PDB file of N, CA and C in Angstrom:
ATOM      1  N   MET A   1      17.223  73.995 -84.480  1.00  0.00           N
ATOM      2  CA  MET A   1      17.799  75.140 -85.174  1.00  0.00           C
ATOM      3  C   MET A   1      18.427  76.085 -84.150  1.00  0.00           C
ATOM      4  N   ASN A   2      19.584  76.644 -84.481  1.00  0.00           N
ATOM      5  CA  ASN A   2      20.283  77.547 -83.580  1.00  0.00           C
ATOM      6  C   ASN A   2      19.614  78.906 -83.534  1.00  0.00           C
ATOM      7  N   GLU A   3      19.760  79.559 -82.398  1.00  0.00           N
ATOM      8  CA  GLU A   3      19.248  80.902 -82.232  1.00  0.00           C
ATOM      9  C   GLU A   3      20.132  81.883 -82.988  1.00  0.00           C
ATOM     10  N   GLN A   4      19.520  82.916 -83.583  1.00  0.00           N
ATOM     11  CA  GLN A   4      20.299  83.933 -84.274  1.00  0.00           C
ATOM     12  C   GLN A   4      21.128  84.724 -83.278  1.00  0.00           C
ATOM     13  N   LYS A   5      22.323  85.051 -83.696  1.00  0.00           N
ATOM     14  CA  LYS A   5      23.204  85.871 -82.875  1.00  0.00           C
ATOM     15  C   LYS A   5      22.880  87.339 -83.142  1.00  0.00           C
ATOM     16  N   ILE A   6      22.784  88.140 -82.077  1.00  0.00           N
ATOM     17  CA  ILE A   6      22.467  89.558 -82.189  1.00  0.00           C
ATOM     18  C   ILE A   6      23.461  90.353 -81.359  1.00  0.00           C
ATOM     19  N   LEU A   7      23.935  91.456 -81.931  1.00  0.00           N
ATOM     20  CA  LEU A   7      24.828  92.359 -81.210  1.00  0.00           C
ATOM     21  C   LEU A   7      24.280  93.776 -81.339  1.00  0.00           C
ATOM     22  N   PHE A   8      23.965  94.377 -80.210  1.00  0.00           N
ATOM     23  CA  PHE A   8      23.570  95.779 -80.187  1.00  0.00           C
ATOM     24  C   PHE A   8      24.846  96.596 -80.026  1.00  0.00           C
ATOM     25  N   VAL A   9      25.294  97.242 -81.104  1.00  0.00           N
ATOM     26  CA  VAL A   9      26.537  97.998 -81.090  1.00  0.00           C
ATOM     27  C   VAL A   9      26.355  99.271 -80.266  1.00  0.00           C
ATOM     28  N   ASP A  10      25.284  99.979 -80.533  1.00  0.00           N
ATOM     29  CA  ASP A  10      24.896 101.150 -79.764  1.00  0.00           C
ATOM     30  C   ASP A  10      23.406 101.370 -79.985  1.00  0.00           C
ATOM     31  N   GLU A  11      22.894 102.511 -79.597  1.00  0.00           N
ATOM     32  CA  GLU A  11      21.444 102.729 -79.703  1.00  0.00           C
ATOM     33  C   GLU A  11      20.962 102.802 -81.146  1.00  0.00           C
ATOM     34  N   ASP A  12      21.862 103.031 -82.096  1.00  0.00           N
ATOM     35  CA  ASP A  12      21.481 103.147 -83.501  1.00  0.00           C
ATOM     36  C   ASP A  12      21.817 101.926 -84.354  1.00  0.00           C
ATOM     37  N   ILE A  13      22.806 101.144 -83.941  1.00  0.00           N
ATOM     38  CA  ILE A  13      23.340 100.076 -84.801  1.00  0.00           C
ATOM     39  C   ILE A  13      23.116  98.698 -84.191  1.00  0.00           C
ATOM     40  N   LEU A  14      22.558  97.813 -85.017  1.00  0.00           N
ATOM     41  CA  LEU A  14      22.302  96.424 -84.632  1.00  0.00           C
ATOM     42  C   LEU A  14      22.933  95.516 -85.678  1.00  0.00           C
ATOM     43  N   LEU A  15      23.640  94.496 -85.225  1.00  0.00           N
ATOM     44  CA  LEU A  15      24.146  93.439 -86.104  1.00  0.00           C
ATOM     45  C   LEU A  15      23.409  92.168 -85.723  1.00  0.00           C
ATOM     46  N   ARG A  16      22.871  91.459 -86.736  1.00  0.00           N
ATOM     47  CA  ARG A  16      22.129  90.223 -86.481  1.00  0.00           C
ATOM     48  C   ARG A  16      22.505  89.208 -87.544  1.00  0.00           C
ATOM     49  N   GLU A  17      22.712  87.978 -87.108  1.00  0.00           N
ATOM     50  CA  GLU A  17      23.035  86.925 -88.064  1.00  0.00           C
ATOM     51  C   GLU A  17      21.952  86.876 -89.145  1.00  0.00           C
ATOM     52  N   ILE A  18      22.392  86.712 -90.370  1.00  0.00           N
ATOM     53  CA  ILE A  18      21.499  86.726 -91.519  1.00  0.00           C
ATOM     54  C   ILE A  18      20.453  85.611 -91.429  1.00  0.00           C
ATOM     55  N   GLY A  19      19.254  85.898 -91.926  1.00  0.00           N
ATOM     56  CA  GLY A  19      18.173  84.914 -91.942  1.00  0.00           C
ATOM     57  C   GLY A  19      17.273  85.126 -93.150  1.00  0.00           C
ATOM     58  N   MET A  20      16.344  84.221 -93.341  1.00  0.00           N
ATOM     59  CA  MET A  20      15.437  84.305 -94.493  1.00  0.00           C
ATOM     60  C   MET A  20      14.624  85.597 -94.482  1.00  0.00           C
ATOM     61  N   GLU A  21      14.382  86.158 -93.318  1.00  0.00           N
ATOM     62  CA  GLU A  21      13.615  87.395 -93.224  1.00  0.00           C
ATOM     63  C   GLU A  21      14.357  88.592 -93.833  1.00  0.00           C
ATOM     64  N   ASP A  22      15.628  88.400 -94.176  1.00  0.00           N
ATOM     65  CA  ASP A  22      16.442  89.479 -94.736  1.00  0.00           C
ATOM     66  C   ASP A  22      16.525  89.465 -96.258  1.00  0.00           C
ATOM     67  N   VAL A  23      16.016  88.426 -96.884  1.00  0.00           N
ATOM     68  CA  VAL A  23      16.164  88.241 -98.334  1.00  0.00           C
ATOM     69  C   VAL A  23      15.646  89.450 -99.111  1.00  0.00           C
ATOM     70  N   ALA A  24      14.455  89.914 -98.831  1.00  0.00           N
ATOM     71  CA  ALA A  24      13.873  91.026 -99.596  1.00  0.00           C
ATOM     72  C   ALA A  24      14.697  92.303 -99.429  1.00  0.00           C
ATOM     73  N   SER A  25      15.123  92.598 -98.223  1.00  0.00           N
ATOM     74  CA  SER A  25      15.924  93.817 -97.992  1.00  0.00           C
ATOM     75  C   SER A  25      17.251  93.753 -98.738  1.00  0.00           C
ATOM     76  N   ILE A  26      17.893  92.597 -98.704  1.00  0.00           N
ATOM     77  CA  ILE A  26      19.174  92.443 -99.399  1.00  0.00           C
ATOM     78  C   ILE A  26      18.980  92.614-100.905  1.00  0.00           C
ATOM     79  N   PHE A  27      18.022  91.888-101.455  1.00  0.00           N
ATOM     80  CA  PHE A  27      17.795  91.970-102.903  1.00  0.00           C
ATOM     81  C   PHE A  27      17.400  93.379-103.324  1.00  0.00           C
ATOM     82  N   ASN A  28      16.478  94.000-102.610  1.00  0.00           N
ATOM     83  CA  ASN A  28      16.020  95.341-102.983  1.00  0.00           C
ATOM     84  C   ASN A  28      17.153  96.362-102.939  1.00  0.00           C
ATOM     85  N   THR A  29      18.058  96.216-101.991  1.00  0.00           N
ATOM     86  CA  THR A  29      19.206  97.122-101.918  1.00  0.00           C
ATOM     87  C   THR A  29      20.122  96.922-103.117  1.00  0.00           C
ATOM     88  N   ILE A  30      20.400  95.674-103.457  1.00  0.00           N
ATOM     89  CA  ILE A  30      21.232  95.389-104.631  1.00  0.00           C
ATOM     90  C   ILE A  30      20.564  95.924-105.888  1.00  0.00           C
ATOM     91  N   ASP A  31      19.280  95.662-106.028  1.00  0.00           N
ATOM     92  CA  ASP A  31      18.556  96.066-107.227  1.00  0.00           C
ATOM     93  C   ASP A  31      18.487  97.586-107.360  1.00  0.00           C
ATOM     94  N   THR A  32      18.302  98.274-106.254  1.00  0.00           N
ATOM     95  CA  THR A  32      18.195  99.735-106.263  1.00  0.00           C
ATOM     96  C   THR A  32      19.527 100.415-106.546  1.00  0.00           C
ATOM     97  N   HIS A  33      20.623  99.824-106.059  1.00  0.00           N
ATOM     98  CA  HIS A  33      21.947 100.436-106.178  1.00  0.00           C
ATOM     99  C   HIS A  33      22.885  99.593-107.049  1.00  0.00           C
ATOM    100  N   ARG A  34      22.300  98.921-108.004  1.00  0.00           N
ATOM    101  CA  ARG A  34      23.015  97.953-108.842  1.00  0.00           C
ATOM    102  C   ARG A  34      24.271  98.531-109.504  1.00  0.00           C
ATOM    103  N   GLU A  35      24.145  99.639-110.168  1.00  0.00           N
ATOM    104  CA  GLU A  35      25.279 100.201-110.915  1.00  0.00           C
ATOM    105  C   GLU A  35      26.430 100.568-109.968  1.00  0.00           C
ATOM    106  N   TYR A  36      26.114 101.196-108.875  1.00  0.00           N
ATOM    107  CA  TYR A  36      27.131 101.602-107.905  1.00  0.00           C
ATOM    108  C   TYR A  36      27.814 100.384-107.282  1.00  0.00           C
ATOM    109  N   MET A  37      27.028  99.398-106.857  1.00  0.00           N
ATOM    110  CA  MET A  37      27.569  98.232-106.162  1.00  0.00           C
ATOM    111  C   MET A  37      28.359  97.311-107.090  1.00  0.00           C
ATOM    112  N   ALA A  38      27.986  97.269-108.357  1.00  0.00           N
ATOM    113  CA  ALA A  38      28.644  96.371-109.314  1.00  0.00           C
ATOM    114  C   ALA A  38      30.119  96.688-109.498  1.00  0.00           C
ATOM    115  N   GLU A  39      30.507  97.912-109.195  1.00  0.00           N
ATOM    116  CA  GLU A  39      31.910  98.292-109.329  1.00  0.00           C
ATOM    117  C   GLU A  39      32.806  97.476-108.391  1.00  0.00           C
ATOM    118  N   TRP A  40      32.270  97.043-107.238  1.00  0.00           N
ATOM    119  CA  TRP A  40      33.078  96.341-106.240  1.00  0.00           C
ATOM    120  C   TRP A  40      32.639  94.906-105.979  1.00  0.00           C
ATOM    121  N   LEU A  41      31.399  94.587-106.292  1.00  0.00           N
ATOM    122  CA  LEU A  41      30.864  93.271-105.926  1.00  0.00           C
ATOM    123  C   LEU A  41      30.526  92.465-107.173  1.00  0.00           C
ATOM    124  N   PRO A  42      31.269  91.395-107.436  1.00  0.00           N
ATOM    125  CA  PRO A  42      31.073  90.635-108.671  1.00  0.00           C
ATOM    126  C   PRO A  42      29.726  89.920-108.774  1.00  0.00           C
ATOM    127  N   PHE A  43      29.080  89.625-107.662  1.00  0.00           N
ATOM    128  CA  PHE A  43      27.818  88.886-107.707  1.00  0.00           C
ATOM    129  C   PHE A  43      26.624  89.749-108.109  1.00  0.00           C
ATOM    130  N   VAL A  44      26.779  91.057-108.121  1.00  0.00           N
ATOM    131  CA  VAL A  44      25.658  91.953-108.434  1.00  0.00           C
ATOM    132  C   VAL A  44      25.094  91.660-109.822  1.00  0.00           C
ATOM    133  N   GLU A  45      25.962  91.440-110.781  1.00  0.00           N
ATOM    134  CA  GLU A  45      25.527  91.159-112.157  1.00  0.00           C
ATOM    135  C   GLU A  45      24.672  89.886-112.221  1.00  0.00           C
ATOM    136  N   LEU A  46      24.976  88.912-111.365  1.00  0.00           N
ATOM    137  CA  LEU A  46      24.233  87.647-111.356  1.00  0.00           C
ATOM    138  C   LEU A  46      22.924  87.730-110.577  1.00  0.00           C
ATOM    139  N   THR A  47      22.778  88.762-109.777  1.00  0.00           N
ATOM    140  CA  THR A  47      21.596  88.893-108.915  1.00  0.00           C
ATOM    141  C   THR A  47      20.500  89.597-109.696  1.00  0.00           C
ATOM    142  N   THR A  48      19.841  88.844-110.560  1.00  0.00           N
ATOM    143  CA  THR A  48      18.817  89.426-111.438  1.00  0.00           C
ATOM    144  C   THR A  48      17.411  89.284-110.887  1.00  0.00           C
ATOM    145  N   ASP A  49      17.222  88.379-109.941  1.00  0.00           N
ATOM    146  CA  ASP A  49      15.928  88.282-109.257  1.00  0.00           C
ATOM    147  C   ASP A  49      16.138  87.772-107.833  1.00  0.00           C
ATOM    148  N   ILE A  50      15.097  87.837-107.070  1.00  0.00           N
ATOM    149  CA  ILE A  50      15.194  87.561-105.637  1.00  0.00           C
ATOM    150  C   ILE A  50      15.583  86.108-105.342  1.00  0.00           C
ATOM    151  N   SER A  51      15.380  85.205-106.292  1.00  0.00           N
ATOM    152  CA  SER A  51      15.709  83.801-106.054  1.00  0.00           C
ATOM    153  C   SER A  51      17.212  83.612-105.825  1.00  0.00           C
ATOM    154  N   PHE A  52      18.050  84.420-106.467  1.00  0.00           N
ATOM    155  CA  PHE A  52      19.494  84.342-106.263  1.00  0.00           C
ATOM    156  C   PHE A  52      19.829  84.660-104.810  1.00  0.00           C
ATOM    157  N   THR A  53      19.227  85.711-104.285  1.00  0.00           N
ATOM    158  CA  THR A  53      19.463  86.117-102.898  1.00  0.00           C
ATOM    159  C   THR A  53      18.909  85.082-101.933  1.00  0.00           C
ATOM    160  N   CYS A  54      17.761  84.538-102.251  1.00  0.00           N
ATOM    161  CA  CYS A  54      17.158  83.490-101.430  1.00  0.00           C
ATOM    162  C   CYS A  54      18.088  82.281-101.345  1.00  0.00           C
ATOM    163  N   THR A  55      18.650  81.875-102.464  1.00  0.00           N
ATOM    164  CA  THR A  55      19.576  80.741-102.495  1.00  0.00           C
ATOM    165  C   THR A  55      20.832  81.044-101.677  1.00  0.00           C
ATOM    166  N   PHE A  56      21.348  82.259-101.774  1.00  0.00           N
ATOM    167  CA  PHE A  56      22.518  82.662-101.002  1.00  0.00           C
ATOM    168  C   PHE A  56      22.261  82.493 -99.505  1.00  0.00           C
ATOM    169  N   VAL A  57      21.135  82.995 -99.037  1.00  0.00           N
ATOM    170  CA  VAL A  57      20.815  82.920 -97.609  1.00  0.00           C
ATOM    171  C   VAL A  57      20.550  81.477 -97.198  1.00  0.00           C
ATOM    172  N   GLU A  58      19.823  80.722 -97.997  1.00  0.00           N
ATOM    173  CA  GLU A  58      19.566  79.305 -97.697  1.00  0.00           C
ATOM    174  C   GLU A  58      20.881  78.532 -97.587  1.00  0.00           C
ATOM    175  N   ASN A  59      21.791  78.761 -98.522  1.00  0.00           N
ATOM    176  CA  ASN A  59      23.089  78.073 -98.483  1.00  0.00           C
ATOM    177  C   ASN A  59      23.855  78.425 -97.220  1.00  0.00           C
ATOM    178  N   TYR A  60      23.810  79.676 -96.811  1.00  0.00           N
ATOM    179  CA  TYR A  60      24.466  80.077 -95.569  1.00  0.00           C
ATOM    180  C   TYR A  60      23.849  79.346 -94.381  1.00  0.00           C
ATOM    181  N   LEU A  61      22.540  79.361 -94.297  1.00  0.00           N
ATOM    182  CA  LEU A  61      21.855  78.752 -93.157  1.00  0.00           C
ATOM    183  C   LEU A  61      22.059  77.244 -93.089  1.00  0.00           C
ATOM    184  N   ASN A  62      22.212  76.595 -94.238  1.00  0.00           N
ATOM    185  CA  ASN A  62      22.350  75.138 -94.286  1.00  0.00           C
ATOM    186  C   ASN A  62      23.797  74.654 -94.257  1.00  0.00           C
ATOM    187  N   ALA A  63      24.749  75.570 -94.287  1.00  0.00           N
ATOM    188  CA  ALA A  63      26.158  75.185 -94.299  1.00  0.00           C
ATOM    189  C   ALA A  63      26.573  74.580 -92.964  1.00  0.00           C
ATOM    190  N   GLU A  64      27.382  73.531 -93.028  1.00  0.00           N
ATOM    191  CA  GLU A  64      27.899  72.908 -91.806  1.00  0.00           C
ATOM    192  C   GLU A  64      28.902  73.825 -91.116  1.00  0.00           C
ATOM    193  N   VAL A  65      29.749  74.449 -91.917  1.00  0.00           N
ATOM    194  CA  VAL A  65      30.742  75.387 -91.393  1.00  0.00           C
ATOM    195  C   VAL A  65      30.406  76.750 -91.979  1.00  0.00           C
ATOM    196  N   LYS A  66      30.234  77.749 -91.108  1.00  0.00           N
ATOM    197  CA  LYS A  66      29.815  79.067 -91.566  1.00  0.00           C
ATOM    198  C   LYS A  66      30.878  80.113 -91.299  1.00  0.00           C
ATOM    199  N   ASP A  67      31.120  80.942 -92.324  1.00  0.00           N
ATOM    200  CA  ASP A  67      31.819  82.202 -92.125  1.00  0.00           C
ATOM    201  C   ASP A  67      30.725  83.155 -91.666  1.00  0.00           C
ATOM    202  N   PHE A  68      30.836  83.681 -90.477  1.00  0.00           N
ATOM    203  CA  PHE A  68      29.761  84.479 -89.886  1.00  0.00           C
ATOM    204  C   PHE A  68      29.351  85.627 -90.810  1.00  0.00           C
ATOM    205  N   THR A  69      28.064  85.701 -91.115  1.00  0.00           N
ATOM    206  CA  THR A  69      27.502  86.763 -91.946  1.00  0.00           C
ATOM    207  C   THR A  69      26.328  87.372 -91.204  1.00  0.00           C
ATOM    208  N   CYS A  70      26.316  88.691 -91.136  1.00  0.00           N
ATOM    209  CA  CYS A  70      25.211  89.353 -90.440  1.00  0.00           C
ATOM    210  C   CYS A  70      24.708  90.544 -91.237  1.00  0.00           C
ATOM    211  N   VAL A  71      23.477  90.931 -90.916  1.00  0.00           N
ATOM    212  CA  VAL A  71      22.890  92.133 -91.483  1.00  0.00           C
ATOM    213  C   VAL A  71      23.210  93.288 -90.544  1.00  0.00           C
ATOM    214  N   ILE A  72      23.336  94.459 -91.127  1.00  0.00           N
ATOM    215  CA  ILE A  72      23.578  95.677 -90.365  1.00  0.00           C
ATOM    216  C   ILE A  72      22.310  96.512 -90.452  1.00  0.00           C
ATOM    217  N   TYR A  73      21.796  96.907 -89.298  1.00  0.00           N
ATOM    218  CA  TYR A  73      20.657  97.815 -89.249  1.00  0.00           C
ATOM    219  C   TYR A  73      21.097  99.105 -88.584  1.00  0.00           C
ATOM    220  N   PHE A  74      20.783 100.213 -89.214  1.00  0.00           N
ATOM    221  CA  PHE A  74      21.057 101.535 -88.661  1.00  0.00           C
ATOM    222  C   PHE A  74      19.724 102.235 -88.462  1.00  0.00           C
ATOM    223  N   ARG A  75      19.436 102.564 -87.238  1.00  0.00           N
ATOM    224  CA  ARG A  75      18.158 103.193 -86.879  1.00  0.00           C
ATOM    225  C   ARG A  75      16.986 102.402 -87.447  1.00  0.00           C
ATOM    226  N   GLN A  76      17.074 101.104 -87.277  1.00  0.00           N
ATOM    227  CA  GLN A  76      16.029 100.144 -87.649  1.00  0.00           C
ATOM    228  C   GLN A  76      15.798 100.018 -89.150  1.00  0.00           C
ATOM    229  N   GLN A  77      16.760 100.499 -89.950  1.00  0.00           N
ATOM    230  CA  GLN A  77      16.690 100.364 -91.405  1.00  0.00           C
ATOM    231  C   GLN A  77      17.861  99.499 -91.871  1.00  0.00           C
ATOM    232  N   PHE A  78      17.587  98.589 -92.802  1.00  0.00           N
ATOM    233  CA  PHE A  78      18.644  97.753 -93.361  1.00  0.00           C
ATOM    234  C   PHE A  78      19.721  98.642 -93.976  1.00  0.00           C
ATOM    235  N   ALA A  79      20.983  98.389 -93.611  1.00  0.00           N
ATOM    236  CA  ALA A  79      22.090  99.199 -94.116  1.00  0.00           C
ATOM    237  C   ALA A  79      23.140  98.381 -94.854  1.00  0.00           C
ATOM    238  N   GLY A  80      23.115  97.054 -94.729  1.00  0.00           N
ATOM    239  CA  GLY A  80      24.097  96.258 -95.443  1.00  0.00           C
ATOM    240  C   GLY A  80      24.400  94.939 -94.772  1.00  0.00           C
ATOM    241  N   LEU A  81      25.444  94.302 -95.262  1.00  0.00           N
ATOM    242  CA  LEU A  81      25.895  93.007 -94.762  1.00  0.00           C
ATOM    243  C   LEU A  81      27.334  93.112 -94.282  1.00  0.00           C
ATOM    244  N   LEU A  82      27.661  92.245 -93.358  1.00  0.00           N
ATOM    245  CA  LEU A  82      29.024  92.130 -92.859  1.00  0.00           C
ATOM    246  C   LEU A  82      29.368  90.663 -92.833  1.00  0.00           C
ATOM    247  N   GLY A  83      30.416  90.266 -93.513  1.00  0.00           N
ATOM    248  CA  GLY A  83      30.835  88.875 -93.523  1.00  0.00           C
ATOM    249  C   GLY A  83      32.237  88.725 -92.990  1.00  0.00           C
ATOM    250  N   LEU A  84      32.427  87.814 -92.068  1.00  0.00           N
ATOM    251  CA  LEU A  84      33.741  87.526 -91.505  1.00  0.00           C
ATOM    252  C   LEU A  84      34.210  86.194 -92.077  1.00  0.00           C
ATOM    253  N   LYS A  85      35.318  86.226 -92.787  1.00  0.00           N
ATOM    254  CA  LYS A  85      35.827  85.049 -93.477  1.00  0.00           C
ATOM    255  C   LYS A  85      36.968  84.411 -92.696  1.00  0.00           C
ATOM    256  N   ASP A  86      36.998  83.089 -92.700  1.00  0.00           N
ATOM    257  CA  ASP A  86      38.106  82.340 -92.108  1.00  0.00           C
ATOM    258  C   ASP A  86      39.320  82.514 -93.013  1.00  0.00           C
ATOM    259  N   THR A  87      40.432  82.838 -92.417  1.00  0.00           N
ATOM    260  CA  THR A  87      41.636  83.078 -93.217  1.00  0.00           C
ATOM    261  C   THR A  87      42.594  81.894 -93.230  1.00  0.00           C
ATOM    262  N   ASP A  88      42.261  80.811 -92.529  1.00  0.00           N
ATOM    263  CA  ASP A  88      43.131  79.636 -92.519  1.00  0.00           C
ATOM    264  C   ASP A  88      42.759  78.678 -93.621  1.00  0.00           C
TER     265      ASP A  88
END
């Protein structure tokens, strides 16, 4: 298994490749801010329980070709996701 990629942006911000340890934070953020996030993110409506988020992360980790996806931590608190998509 490959090592997770980590980038320390500054003393407050950390970017780390997504992993199974992030599933609860991702789901809880979606669930807590569902109405606000649904305006821009079509998958929010489908994310009704943590298994959806678990499957998303598992699919990312098991993909042969990955569009880099990382979690954003601000002052050691989960702040969101960042995904870089291939445009070719």
